[in-house]
Amino acid sequence: MTDNSALDPEDRKIVTLARSARARNAVPEGAAVRDETGRTYVAGTVDLASLKLSALQTAVAMAVASGAKSLEAAAVVTDADSASDQDRAAVRDLGGPQTPVLVAGVDGTVRATVTAG
């Protein structure tokens, strides 16, 4: 486990936003990404009959649709132990292989930081 107080304030912010999205929308996961200009994009899991996206995939798609050129960091609040391969691939596509992905539990405590690579 990571002590969240040791996180960069901007990283703490995206974890908090991801946690809020999960709770507010009553979805399995919440995510947030920060682009190269410092803008953040927040999303929850999308589970429609015709469209299924993880929260992190949705946040990356929102960043792309808004004109982001790259990502500085990503966060996902989940019951899973780590970010899925598909989630890391989405972050890698926009941010590159070294982009950090913060994986937090539903209480907001960061359990791991992995790279998108």
PDB file of N, CA and C in Angstrom:
ATOM      1  N   MET A   1       0.831  -1.194   0.000  1.00  0.00           N
ATOM      2  CA  MET A   1       0.000   0.000   0.000  1.00  0.00           C
ATOM      3  C   MET A   1       0.866   1.244   0.000  1.00  0.00           C
ATOM      4  N   THR A   2       0.349   2.275  -0.613  1.00  0.00           N
ATOM      5  CA  THR A   2       1.044   3.548  -0.682  1.00  0.00           C
ATOM      6  C   THR A   2       0.376   4.519   0.270  1.00  0.00           C
ATOM      7  N   ASP A   3       1.187   5.299   0.973  1.00  0.00           N
ATOM      8  CA  ASP A   3       0.668   6.362   1.821  1.00  0.00           C
ATOM      9  C   ASP A   3       0.248   7.505   0.903  1.00  0.00           C
ATOM     10  N   ASN A   4      -1.062   7.759   0.789  1.00  0.00           N
ATOM     11  CA  ASN A   4      -1.548   8.784  -0.134  1.00  0.00           C
ATOM     12  C   ASN A   4      -0.984  10.167   0.177  1.00  0.00           C
ATOM     13  N   SER A   5      -0.597  10.423   1.421  1.00  0.00           N
ATOM     14  CA  SER A   5      -0.055  11.741   1.748  1.00  0.00           C
ATOM     15  C   SER A   5       1.302  11.949   1.075  1.00  0.00           C
ATOM     16  N   ALA A   6       1.961  10.871   0.676  1.00  0.00           N
ATOM     17  CA  ALA A   6       3.249  10.980  -0.006  1.00  0.00           C
ATOM     18  C   ALA A   6       3.084  11.245  -1.501  1.00  0.00           C
ATOM     19  N   LEU A   7       1.865  11.137  -2.010  1.00  0.00           N
ATOM     20  CA  LEU A   7       1.610  11.373  -3.432  1.00  0.00           C
ATOM     21  C   LEU A   7       1.713  12.860  -3.766  1.00  0.00           C
ATOM     22  N   ASP A   8       2.085  13.126  -4.990  1.00  0.00           N
ATOM     23  CA  ASP A   8       2.035  14.475  -5.533  1.00  0.00           C
ATOM     24  C   ASP A   8       0.584  14.968  -5.405  1.00  0.00           C
ATOM     25  N   PRO A   9       0.373  16.229  -5.065  1.00  0.00           N
ATOM     26  CA  PRO A   9      -1.003  16.732  -4.922  1.00  0.00           C
ATOM     27  C   PRO A   9      -1.866  16.517  -6.172  1.00  0.00           C
ATOM     28  N   GLU A  10      -1.279  16.629  -7.351  1.00  0.00           N
ATOM     29  CA  GLU A  10      -2.056  16.412  -8.579  1.00  0.00           C
ATOM     30  C   GLU A  10      -2.449  14.943  -8.735  1.00  0.00           C
ATOM     31  N   ASP A  11      -1.609  14.033  -8.278  1.00  0.00           N
ATOM     32  CA  ASP A  11      -1.951  12.614  -8.316  1.00  0.00           C
ATOM     33  C   ASP A  11      -3.039  12.303  -7.290  1.00  0.00           C
ATOM     34  N   ARG A  12      -2.934  12.902  -6.111  1.00  0.00           N
ATOM     35  CA  ARG A  12      -3.994  12.729  -5.097  1.00  0.00           C
ATOM     36  C   ARG A  12      -5.324  13.212  -5.653  1.00  0.00           C
ATOM     37  N   LYS A  13      -5.275  14.315  -6.398  1.00  0.00           N
ATOM     38  CA  LYS A  13      -6.497  14.885  -6.972  1.00  0.00           C
ATOM     39  C   LYS A  13      -7.173  13.896  -7.920  1.00  0.00           C
ATOM     40  N   ILE A  14      -6.406  13.245  -8.813  1.00  0.00           N
ATOM     41  CA  ILE A  14      -7.066  12.336  -9.760  1.00  0.00           C
ATOM     42  C   ILE A  14      -7.583  11.079  -9.063  1.00  0.00           C
ATOM     43  N   VAL A  15      -6.924  10.646  -7.985  1.00  0.00           N
ATOM     44  CA  VAL A  15      -7.449   9.512  -7.219  1.00  0.00           C
ATOM     45  C   VAL A  15      -8.772   9.912  -6.568  1.00  0.00           C
ATOM     46  N   THR A  16      -8.823  11.098  -5.990  1.00  0.00           N
ATOM     47  CA  THR A  16     -10.056  11.584  -5.357  1.00  0.00           C
ATOM     48  C   THR A  16     -11.182  11.720  -6.376  1.00  0.00           C
ATOM     49  N   LEU A  17     -10.875  12.258  -7.543  1.00  0.00           N
ATOM     50  CA  LEU A  17     -11.894  12.395  -8.590  1.00  0.00           C
ATOM     51  C   LEU A  17     -12.393  11.027  -9.065  1.00  0.00           C
ATOM     52  N   ALA A  18     -11.486  10.080  -9.213  1.00  0.00           N
ATOM     53  CA  ALA A  18     -11.879   8.726  -9.634  1.00  0.00           C
ATOM     54  C   ALA A  18     -12.788   8.082  -8.593  1.00  0.00           C
ATOM     55  N   ARG A  19     -12.428   8.250  -7.336  1.00  0.00           N
ATOM     56  CA  ARG A  19     -13.251   7.683  -6.256  1.00  0.00           C
ATOM     57  C   ARG A  19     -14.640   8.315  -6.242  1.00  0.00           C
ATOM     58  N   SER A  20     -14.686   9.624  -6.435  1.00  0.00           N
ATOM     59  CA  SER A  20     -15.971  10.333  -6.448  1.00  0.00           C
ATOM     60  C   SER A  20     -16.854   9.868  -7.602  1.00  0.00           C
ATOM     61  N   ALA A  21     -16.260   9.667  -8.780  1.00  0.00           N
ATOM     62  CA  ALA A  21     -17.036   9.204  -9.939  1.00  0.00           C
ATOM     63  C   ALA A  21     -17.638   7.830  -9.677  1.00  0.00           C
ATOM     64  N   ARG A  22     -16.853   6.953  -9.087  1.00  0.00           N
ATOM     65  CA  ARG A  22     -17.341   5.607  -8.771  1.00  0.00           C
ATOM     66  C   ARG A  22     -18.528   5.678  -7.815  1.00  0.00           C
ATOM     67  N   ALA A  23     -18.379   6.452  -6.747  1.00  0.00           N
ATOM     68  CA  ALA A  23     -19.437   6.549  -5.746  1.00  0.00           C
ATOM     69  C   ALA A  23     -20.675   7.260  -6.285  1.00  0.00           C
ATOM     70  N   ARG A  24     -20.461   8.383  -6.956  1.00  0.00           N
ATOM     71  CA  ARG A  24     -21.577   9.203  -7.455  1.00  0.00           C
ATOM     72  C   ARG A  24     -22.435   8.443  -8.466  1.00  0.00           C
ATOM     73  N   ASN A  25     -21.776   7.667  -9.315  1.00  0.00           N
ATOM     74  CA  ASN A  25     -22.499   6.971 -10.376  1.00  0.00           C
ATOM     75  C   ASN A  25     -22.840   5.530 -10.030  1.00  0.00           C
ATOM     76  N   ALA A  26     -22.454   5.085  -8.840  1.00  0.00           N
ATOM     77  CA  ALA A  26     -22.719   3.715  -8.380  1.00  0.00           C
ATOM     78  C   ALA A  26     -22.301   2.688  -9.434  1.00  0.00           C
ATOM     79  N   VAL A  27     -21.055   2.813  -9.901  1.00  0.00           N
ATOM     80  CA  VAL A  27     -20.503   1.913 -10.912  1.00  0.00           C
ATOM     81  C   VAL A  27     -19.332   1.142 -10.306  1.00  0.00           C
ATOM     82  N   PRO A  28     -18.934   0.042 -10.941  1.00  0.00           N
ATOM     83  CA  PRO A  28     -17.853  -0.778 -10.380  1.00  0.00           C
ATOM     84  C   PRO A  28     -16.497  -0.082 -10.290  1.00  0.00           C
ATOM     85  N   GLU A  29     -16.219   0.834 -11.225  1.00  0.00           N
ATOM     86  CA  GLU A  29     -14.933   1.518 -11.228  1.00  0.00           C
ATOM     87  C   GLU A  29     -15.111   2.999 -11.543  1.00  0.00           C
ATOM     88  N   GLY A  30     -14.204   3.791 -11.016  1.00  0.00           N
ATOM     89  CA  GLY A  30     -14.098   5.195 -11.380  1.00  0.00           C
ATOM     90  C   GLY A  30     -12.669   5.449 -11.822  1.00  0.00           C
ATOM     91  N   ALA A  31     -12.482   6.392 -12.722  1.00  0.00           N
ATOM     92  CA  ALA A  31     -11.134   6.682 -13.213  1.00  0.00           C
ATOM     93  C   ALA A  31     -10.999   8.161 -13.526  1.00  0.00           C
ATOM     94  N   ALA A  32      -9.759   8.605 -13.549  1.00  0.00           N
ATOM     95  CA  ALA A  32      -9.446   9.970 -13.950  1.00  0.00           C
ATOM     96  C   ALA A  32      -8.077   9.963 -14.604  1.00  0.00           C
ATOM     97  N   VAL A  33      -7.926  10.809 -15.606  1.00  0.00           N
ATOM     98  CA  VAL A  33      -6.630  10.977 -16.262  1.00  0.00           C
ATOM     99  C   VAL A  33      -6.313  12.464 -16.311  1.00  0.00           C
ATOM    100  N   ARG A  34      -5.003  12.777 -16.346  1.00  0.00           N
ATOM    101  CA  ARG A  34      -4.538  14.154 -16.445  1.00  0.00           C
ATOM    102  C   ARG A  34      -3.740  14.288 -17.729  1.00  0.00           C
ATOM    103  N   ASP A  35      -4.093  15.273 -18.551  1.00  0.00           N
ATOM    104  CA  ASP A  35      -3.393  15.425 -19.830  1.00  0.00           C
ATOM    105  C   ASP A  35      -2.175  16.326 -19.687  1.00  0.00           C
ATOM    106  N   GLU A  36      -1.525  16.582 -20.819  1.00  0.00           N
ATOM    107  CA  GLU A  36      -0.270  17.332 -20.839  1.00  0.00           C
ATOM    108  C   GLU A  36      -0.423  18.786 -20.414  1.00  0.00           C
ATOM    109  N   THR A  37      -1.651  19.306 -20.403  1.00  0.00           N
ATOM    110  CA  THR A  37      -1.875  20.686 -19.975  1.00  0.00           C
ATOM    111  C   THR A  37      -2.383  20.769 -18.537  1.00  0.00           C
ATOM    112  N   GLY A  38      -2.563  19.616 -17.900  1.00  0.00           N
ATOM    113  CA  GLY A  38      -3.065  19.585 -16.532  1.00  0.00           C
ATOM    114  C   GLY A  38      -4.563  19.415 -16.422  1.00  0.00           C
ATOM    115  N   ARG A  39      -5.246  19.375 -17.557  1.00  0.00           N
ATOM    116  CA  ARG A  39      -6.703  19.146 -17.521  1.00  0.00           C
ATOM    117  C   ARG A  39      -6.976  17.706 -17.084  1.00  0.00           C
ATOM    118  N   THR A  40      -8.089  17.526 -16.380  1.00  0.00           N
ATOM    119  CA  THR A  40      -8.466  16.188 -15.940  1.00  0.00           C
ATOM    120  C   THR A  40      -9.778  15.768 -16.591  1.00  0.00           C
ATOM    121  N   TYR A  41      -9.879  14.467 -16.772  1.00  0.00           N
ATOM    122  CA  TYR A  41     -11.076  13.852 -17.357  1.00  0.00           C
ATOM    123  C   TYR A  41     -11.467  12.715 -16.431  1.00  0.00           C
ATOM    124  N   VAL A  42     -12.725  12.694 -16.032  1.00  0.00           N
ATOM    125  CA  VAL A  42     -13.208  11.763 -15.025  1.00  0.00           C
ATOM    126  C   VAL A  42     -14.339  10.939 -15.603  1.00  0.00           C
ATOM    127  N   ALA A  43     -14.346   9.639 -15.306  1.00  0.00           N
ATOM    128  CA  ALA A  43     -15.379   8.770 -15.867  1.00  0.00           C
ATOM    129  C   ALA A  43     -15.634   7.575 -14.961  1.00  0.00           C
ATOM    130  N   GLY A  44     -16.773   6.966 -15.199  1.00  0.00           N
ATOM    131  CA  GLY A  44     -17.117   5.701 -14.548  1.00  0.00           C
ATOM    132  C   GLY A  44     -17.269   4.628 -15.607  1.00  0.00           C
ATOM    133  N   THR A  45     -17.473   3.429 -15.164  1.00  0.00           N
ATOM    134  CA  THR A  45     -17.691   2.299 -16.045  1.00  0.00           C
ATOM    135  C   THR A  45     -18.925   2.548 -16.920  1.00  0.00           C
ATOM    136  N   VAL A  46     -18.828   2.191 -18.201  1.00  0.00           N
ATOM    137  CA  VAL A  46     -19.963   2.258 -19.119  1.00  0.00           C
ATOM    138  C   VAL A  46     -20.399   0.823 -19.399  1.00  0.00           C
ATOM    139  N   ASP A  47     -21.649   0.510 -19.091  1.00  0.00           N
ATOM    140  CA  ASP A  47     -22.146  -0.849 -19.291  1.00  0.00           C
ATOM    141  C   ASP A  47     -23.530  -0.795 -19.941  1.00  0.00           C
ATOM    142  N   LEU A  48     -23.519  -0.570 -21.253  1.00  0.00           N
ATOM    143  CA  LEU A  48     -24.746  -0.549 -22.042  1.00  0.00           C
ATOM    144  C   LEU A  48     -24.832  -1.830 -22.862  1.00  0.00           C
ATOM    145  N   ALA A  49     -25.987  -2.114 -23.372  1.00  0.00           N
ATOM    146  CA  ALA A  49     -26.127  -3.307 -24.214  1.00  0.00           C
ATOM    147  C   ALA A  49     -25.210  -3.230 -25.429  1.00  0.00           C
ATOM    148  N   SER A  50     -25.059  -2.038 -25.985  1.00  0.00           N
ATOM    149  CA  SER A  50     -24.269  -1.894 -27.209  1.00  0.00           C
ATOM    150  C   SER A  50     -22.852  -1.353 -26.985  1.00  0.00           C
ATOM    151  N   LEU A  51     -22.505  -0.985 -25.745  1.00  0.00           N
ATOM    152  CA  LEU A  51     -21.197  -0.390 -25.497  1.00  0.00           C
ATOM    153  C   LEU A  51     -20.735  -0.707 -24.080  1.00  0.00           C
ATOM    154  N   LYS A  52     -19.588  -1.329 -23.976  1.00  0.00           N
ATOM    155  CA  LYS A  52     -19.010  -1.656 -22.671  1.00  0.00           C
ATOM    156  C   LYS A  52     -17.581  -1.132 -22.638  1.00  0.00           C
ATOM    157  N   LEU A  53     -17.323  -0.216 -21.706  1.00  0.00           N
ATOM    158  CA  LEU A  53     -15.996   0.360 -21.520  1.00  0.00           C
ATOM    159  C   LEU A  53     -15.681   0.412 -20.033  1.00  0.00           C
ATOM    160  N   SER A  54     -14.443   0.130 -19.714  1.00  0.00           N
ATOM    161  CA  SER A  54     -14.022   0.319 -18.328  1.00  0.00           C
ATOM    162  C   SER A  54     -13.972   1.821 -18.047  1.00  0.00           C
ATOM    163  N   ALA A  55     -13.900   2.157 -16.788  1.00  0.00           N
ATOM    164  CA  ALA A  55     -13.821   3.567 -16.412  1.00  0.00           C
ATOM    165  C   ALA A  55     -12.576   4.222 -16.997  1.00  0.00           C
ATOM    166  N   LEU A  56     -11.444   3.513 -16.963  1.00  0.00           N
ATOM    167  CA  LEU A  56     -10.209   4.091 -17.481  1.00  0.00           C
ATOM    168  C   LEU A  56     -10.255   4.259 -18.996  1.00  0.00           C
ATOM    169  N   GLN A  57     -10.823   3.303 -19.696  1.00  0.00           N
ATOM    170  CA  GLN A  57     -10.986   3.440 -21.147  1.00  0.00           C
ATOM    171  C   GLN A  57     -11.870   4.644 -21.464  1.00  0.00           C
ATOM    172  N   THR A  58     -12.919   4.833 -20.693  1.00  0.00           N
ATOM    173  CA  THR A  58     -13.826   5.957 -20.911  1.00  0.00           C
ATOM    174  C   THR A  58     -13.132   7.285 -20.653  1.00  0.00           C
ATOM    175  N   ALA A  59     -12.340   7.363 -19.576  1.00  0.00           N
ATOM    176  CA  ALA A  59     -11.614   8.600 -19.276  1.00  0.00           C
ATOM    177  C   ALA A  59     -10.607   8.930 -20.377  1.00  0.00           C
ATOM    178  N   VAL A  60      -9.908   7.913 -20.882  1.00  0.00           N
ATOM    179  CA  VAL A  60      -8.959   8.137 -21.982  1.00  0.00           C
ATOM    180  C   VAL A  60      -9.713   8.611 -23.226  1.00  0.00           C
ATOM    181  N   ALA A  61     -10.833   7.986 -23.530  1.00  0.00           N
ATOM    182  CA  ALA A  61     -11.628   8.391 -24.698  1.00  0.00           C
ATOM    183  C   ALA A  61     -12.106   9.835 -24.558  1.00  0.00           C
ATOM    184  N   MET A  62     -12.502  10.225 -23.358  1.00  0.00           N
ATOM    185  CA  MET A  62     -12.929  11.606 -23.135  1.00  0.00           C
ATOM    186  C   MET A  62     -11.774  12.579 -23.367  1.00  0.00           C
ATOM    187  N   ALA A  63     -10.579  12.197 -22.923  1.00  0.00           N
ATOM    188  CA  ALA A  63      -9.406  13.050 -23.135  1.00  0.00           C
ATOM    189  C   ALA A  63      -9.116  13.205 -24.623  1.00  0.00           C
ATOM    190  N   VAL A  64      -9.138  12.099 -25.351  1.00  0.00           N
ATOM    191  CA  VAL A  64      -8.888  12.138 -26.799  1.00  0.00           C
ATOM    192  C   VAL A  64      -9.941  12.997 -27.492  1.00  0.00           C
ATOM    193  N   ALA A  65     -11.207  12.783 -27.138  1.00  0.00           N
ATOM    194  CA  ALA A  65     -12.298  13.525 -27.765  1.00  0.00           C
ATOM    195  C   ALA A  65     -12.222  15.019 -27.472  1.00  0.00           C
ATOM    196  N   SER A  66     -11.534  15.371 -26.378  1.00  0.00           N
ATOM    197  CA  SER A  66     -11.388  16.783 -26.012  1.00  0.00           C
ATOM    198  C   SER A  66     -10.106  17.404 -26.538  1.00  0.00           C
ATOM    199  N   GLY A  67      -9.327  16.625 -27.292  1.00  0.00           N
ATOM    200  CA  GLY A  67      -8.138  17.169 -27.923  1.00  0.00           C
ATOM    201  C   GLY A  67      -6.826  16.953 -27.195  1.00  0.00           C
ATOM    202  N   ALA A  68      -6.818  16.137 -26.147  1.00  0.00           N
ATOM    203  CA  ALA A  68      -5.559  15.867 -25.437  1.00  0.00           C
ATOM    204  C   ALA A  68      -4.571  15.200 -26.386  1.00  0.00           C
ATOM    205  N   LYS A  69      -3.311  15.585 -26.257  1.00  0.00           N
ATOM    206  CA  LYS A  69      -2.246  15.024 -27.097  1.00  0.00           C
ATOM    207  C   LYS A  69      -1.460  13.942 -26.371  1.00  0.00           C
ATOM    208  N   SER A  70      -1.454  13.996 -25.035  1.00  0.00           N
ATOM    209  CA  SER A  70      -0.761  12.983 -24.245  1.00  0.00           C
ATOM    210  C   SER A  70      -1.310  13.001 -22.819  1.00  0.00           C
ATOM    211  N   LEU A  71      -0.891  12.013 -22.038  1.00  0.00           N
ATOM    212  CA  LEU A  71      -1.308  11.929 -20.644  1.00  0.00           C
ATOM    213  C   LEU A  71      -0.091  12.004 -19.734  1.00  0.00           C
ATOM    214  N   GLU A  72      -0.281  12.663 -18.600  1.00  0.00           N
ATOM    215  CA  GLU A  72       0.762  12.699 -17.570  1.00  0.00           C
ATOM    216  C   GLU A  72       0.578  11.572 -16.571  1.00  0.00           C
ATOM    217  N   ALA A  73      -0.684  11.231 -16.260  1.00  0.00           N
ATOM    218  CA  ALA A  73      -0.964  10.212 -15.251  1.00  0.00           C
ATOM    219  C   ALA A  73      -2.410   9.760 -15.367  1.00  0.00           C
ATOM    220  N   ALA A  74      -2.665   8.590 -14.781  1.00  0.00           N
ATOM    221  CA  ALA A  74      -4.011   8.032 -14.758  1.00  0.00           C
ATOM    222  C   ALA A  74      -4.241   7.393 -13.392  1.00  0.00           C
ATOM    223  N   ALA A  75      -5.506   7.323 -12.989  1.00  0.00           N
ATOM    224  CA  ALA A  75      -5.865   6.666 -11.732  1.00  0.00           C
ATOM    225  C   ALA A  75      -7.154   5.891 -11.943  1.00  0.00           C
ATOM    226  N   VAL A  76      -7.233   4.739 -11.292  1.00  0.00           N
ATOM    227  CA  VAL A  76      -8.453   3.944 -11.328  1.00  0.00           C
ATOM    228  C   VAL A  76      -8.751   3.470  -9.912  1.00  0.00           C
ATOM    229  N   VAL A  77     -10.015   3.584  -9.525  1.00  0.00           N
ATOM    230  CA  VAL A  77     -10.488   3.076  -8.241  1.00  0.00           C
ATOM    231  C   VAL A  77     -11.294   1.833  -8.552  1.00  0.00           C
ATOM    232  N   THR A  78     -10.851   0.708  -7.996  1.00  0.00           N
ATOM    233  CA  THR A  78     -11.383  -0.587  -8.387  1.00  0.00           C
ATOM    234  C   THR A  78     -11.230  -1.614  -7.276  1.00  0.00           C
ATOM    235  N   ASP A  79     -11.993  -2.683  -7.372  1.00  0.00           N
ATOM    236  CA  ASP A  79     -11.818  -3.833  -6.482  1.00  0.00           C
ATOM    237  C   ASP A  79     -10.691  -4.732  -6.977  1.00  0.00           C
ATOM    238  N   ALA A  80     -10.306  -4.577  -8.239  1.00  0.00           N
ATOM    239  CA  ALA A  80      -9.262  -5.421  -8.839  1.00  0.00           C
ATOM    240  C   ALA A  80      -7.897  -5.099  -8.218  1.00  0.00           C
ATOM    241  N   ASP A  81      -6.989  -6.051  -8.314  1.00  0.00           N
ATOM    242  CA  ASP A  81      -5.649  -5.878  -7.757  1.00  0.00           C
ATOM    243  C   ASP A  81      -4.784  -4.932  -8.578  1.00  0.00           C
ATOM    244  N   SER A  82      -5.062  -4.824  -9.880  1.00  0.00           N
ATOM    245  CA  SER A  82      -4.249  -3.996 -10.751  1.00  0.00           C
ATOM    246  C   SER A  82      -5.096  -3.493 -11.915  1.00  0.00           C
ATOM    247  N   ALA A  83      -4.523  -2.624 -12.694  1.00  0.00           N
ATOM    248  CA  ALA A  83      -5.201  -2.168 -13.916  1.00  0.00           C
ATOM    249  C   ALA A  83      -5.125  -3.286 -14.943  1.00  0.00           C
ATOM    250  N   SER A  84      -6.194  -3.483 -15.675  1.00  0.00           N
ATOM    251  CA  SER A  84      -6.227  -4.550 -16.679  1.00  0.00           C
ATOM    252  C   SER A  84      -5.286  -4.238 -17.836  1.00  0.00           C
ATOM    253  N   ASP A  85      -4.945  -5.250 -18.596  1.00  0.00           N
ATOM    254  CA  ASP A  85      -4.105  -5.056 -19.778  1.00  0.00           C
ATOM    255  C   ASP A  85      -4.753  -4.074 -20.750  1.00  0.00           C
ATOM    256  N   GLN A  86      -6.081  -4.169 -20.908  1.00  0.00           N
ATOM    257  CA  GLN A  86      -6.792  -3.282 -21.823  1.00  0.00           C
ATOM    258  C   GLN A  86      -6.739  -1.835 -21.330  1.00  0.00           C
ATOM    259  N   ASP A  87      -6.866  -1.642 -20.032  1.00  0.00           N
ATOM    260  CA  ASP A  87      -6.786  -0.294 -19.468  1.00  0.00           C
ATOM    261  C   ASP A  87      -5.395   0.291 -19.655  1.00  0.00           C
ATOM    262  N   ARG A  88      -4.382  -0.500 -19.372  1.00  0.00           N
ATOM    263  CA  ARG A  88      -3.014  -0.027 -19.532  1.00  0.00           C
ATOM    264  C   ARG A  88      -2.719   0.274 -20.996  1.00  0.00           C
ATOM    265  N   ALA A  89      -3.283  -0.518 -21.909  1.00  0.00           N
ATOM    266  CA  ALA A  89      -3.087  -0.266 -23.347  1.00  0.00           C
ATOM    267  C   ALA A  89      -3.710   1.061 -23.756  1.00  0.00           C
ATOM    268  N   ALA A  90      -4.890   1.376 -23.245  1.00  0.00           N
ATOM    269  CA  ALA A  90      -5.540   2.646 -23.578  1.00  0.00           C
ATOM    270  C   ALA A  90      -4.698   3.822 -23.093  1.00  0.00           C
ATOM    271  N   VAL A  91      -4.176   3.727 -21.880  1.00  0.00           N
ATOM    272  CA  VAL A  91      -3.319   4.785 -21.343  1.00  0.00           C
ATOM    273  C   VAL A  91      -2.041   4.885 -22.169  1.00  0.00           C
ATOM    274  N   ARG A  92      -1.463   3.747 -22.508  1.00  0.00           N
ATOM    275  CA  ARG A  92      -0.222   3.712 -23.302  1.00  0.00           C
ATOM    276  C   ARG A  92      -0.420   4.345 -24.675  1.00  0.00           C
ATOM    277  N   ASP A  93      -1.580   4.102 -25.302  1.00  0.00           N
ATOM    278  CA  ASP A  93      -1.851   4.657 -26.629  1.00  0.00           C
ATOM    279  C   ASP A  93      -1.765   6.176 -26.645  1.00  0.00           C
ATOM    280  N   LEU A  94      -2.197   6.815 -25.573  1.00  0.00           N
ATOM    281  CA  LEU A  94      -2.183   8.278 -25.528  1.00  0.00           C
ATOM    282  C   LEU A  94      -0.989   8.814 -24.741  1.00  0.00           C
ATOM    283  N   GLY A  95      -0.606   8.126 -23.699  1.00  0.00           N
ATOM    284  CA  GLY A  95       0.419   8.666 -22.818  1.00  0.00           C
ATOM    285  C   GLY A  95       1.805   8.091 -22.985  1.00  0.00           C
ATOM    286  N   GLY A  96       1.907   6.928 -23.604  1.00  0.00           N
ATOM    287  CA  GLY A  96       3.198   6.276 -23.736  1.00  0.00           C
ATOM    288  C   GLY A  96       3.406   5.237 -22.652  1.00  0.00           C
ATOM    289  N   PRO A  97       4.431   4.400 -22.818  1.00  0.00           N
ATOM    290  CA  PRO A  97       4.634   3.265 -21.922  1.00  0.00           C
ATOM    291  C   PRO A  97       5.037   3.633 -20.498  1.00  0.00           C
ATOM    292  N   GLN A  98       5.579   4.816 -20.279  1.00  0.00           N
ATOM    293  CA  GLN A  98       6.025   5.198 -18.932  1.00  0.00           C
ATOM    294  C   GLN A  98       4.965   5.944 -18.118  1.00  0.00           C
ATOM    295  N   THR A  99       3.789   6.157 -18.698  1.00  0.00           N
ATOM    296  CA  THR A  99       2.736   6.876 -17.979  1.00  0.00           C
ATOM    297  C   THR A  99       2.317   6.091 -16.744  1.00  0.00           C
ATOM    298  N   PRO A 100       2.371   6.712 -15.561  1.00  0.00           N
ATOM    299  CA  PRO A 100       1.966   6.001 -14.347  1.00  0.00           C
ATOM    300  C   PRO A 100       0.452   5.833 -14.260  1.00  0.00           C
ATOM    301  N   VAL A 101       0.056   4.648 -13.795  1.00  0.00           N
ATOM    302  CA  VAL A 101      -1.349   4.343 -13.537  1.00  0.00           C
ATOM    303  C   VAL A 101      -1.457   4.012 -12.055  1.00  0.00           C
ATOM    304  N   LEU A 102      -2.151   4.870 -11.318  1.00  0.00           N
ATOM    305  CA  LEU A 102      -2.356   4.653  -9.886  1.00  0.00           C
ATOM    306  C   LEU A 102      -3.574   3.765  -9.706  1.00  0.00           C
ATOM    307  N   VAL A 103      -3.407   2.677  -8.985  1.00  0.00           N
ATOM    308  CA  VAL A 103      -4.503   1.743  -8.746  1.00  0.00           C
ATOM    309  C   VAL A 103      -4.886   1.851  -7.277  1.00  0.00           C
ATOM    310  N   ALA A 104      -6.114   2.294  -7.033  1.00  0.00           N
ATOM    311  CA  ALA A 104      -6.571   2.517  -5.657  1.00  0.00           C
ATOM    312  C   ALA A 104      -7.765   1.625  -5.344  1.00  0.00           C
ATOM    313  N   GLY A 105      -7.883   1.291  -4.070  1.00  0.00           N
ATOM    314  CA  GLY A 105      -9.052   0.555  -3.608  1.00  0.00           C
ATOM    315  C   GLY A 105     -10.236   1.479  -3.478  1.00  0.00           C
ATOM    316  N   VAL A 106     -11.368   0.911  -3.155  1.00  0.00           N
ATOM    317  CA  VAL A 106     -12.592   1.710  -3.079  1.00  0.00           C
ATOM    318  C   VAL A 106     -12.547   2.746  -1.962  1.00  0.00           C
ATOM    319  N   ASP A 107     -11.618   2.577  -1.014  1.00  0.00           N
ATOM    320  CA  ASP A 107     -11.454   3.578   0.041  1.00  0.00           C
ATOM    321  C   ASP A 107     -10.548   4.725  -0.402  1.00  0.00           C
ATOM    322  N   GLY A 108     -10.012   4.627  -1.623  1.00  0.00           N
ATOM    323  CA  GLY A 108      -9.161   5.673  -2.165  1.00  0.00           C
ATOM    324  C   GLY A 108      -7.685   5.493  -1.880  1.00  0.00           C
ATOM    325  N   THR A 109      -7.330   4.455  -1.120  1.00  0.00           N
ATOM    326  CA  THR A 109      -5.924   4.207  -0.817  1.00  0.00           C
ATOM    327  C   THR A 109      -5.235   3.592  -2.025  1.00  0.00           C
ATOM    328  N   VAL A 110      -4.160   4.215  -2.470  1.00  0.00           N
ATOM    329  CA  VAL A 110      -3.411   3.694  -3.614  1.00  0.00           C
ATOM    330  C   VAL A 110      -2.700   2.413  -3.187  1.00  0.00           C
ATOM    331  N   ARG A 111      -3.006   1.329  -3.901  1.00  0.00           N
ATOM    332  CA  ARG A 111      -2.412   0.026  -3.606  1.00  0.00           C
ATOM    333  C   ARG A 111      -1.191  -0.242  -4.459  1.00  0.00           C
ATOM    334  N   ALA A 112      -1.149   0.343  -5.640  1.00  0.00           N
ATOM    335  CA  ALA A 112      -0.031   0.094  -6.555  1.00  0.00           C
ATOM    336  C   ALA A 112       0.039   1.219  -7.567  1.00  0.00           C
ATOM    337  N   THR A 113       1.243   1.422  -8.067  1.00  0.00           N
ATOM    338  CA  THR A 113       1.461   2.293  -9.218  1.00  0.00           C
ATOM    339  C   THR A 113       2.176   1.465 -10.258  1.00  0.00           C
ATOM    340  N   VAL A 114       1.545   1.328 -11.419  1.00  0.00           N
ATOM    341  CA  VAL A 114       2.128   0.564 -12.524  1.00  0.00           C
ATOM    342  C   VAL A 114       2.330   1.517 -13.685  1.00  0.00           C
ATOM    343  N   THR A 115       3.140   1.093 -14.642  1.00  0.00           N
ATOM    344  CA  THR A 115       3.281   1.902 -15.840  1.00  0.00           C
ATOM    345  C   THR A 115       2.342   1.357 -16.905  1.00  0.00           C
ATOM    346  N   ALA A 116       2.029   2.205 -17.874  1.00  0.00           N
ATOM    347  CA  ALA A 116       1.141   1.794 -18.946  1.00  0.00           C
ATOM    348  C   ALA A 116       1.814   0.753 -19.849  1.00  0.00           C
ATOM    349  N   GLY A 117       3.163   0.749 -19.850  1.00  0.00           N
ATOM    350  CA  GLY A 117       3.933  -0.131 -20.718  1.00  0.00           C
ATOM    351  C   GLY A 117       3.715  -1.553 -20.450  1.00  0.00           C
TER     352      GLY A 117
END
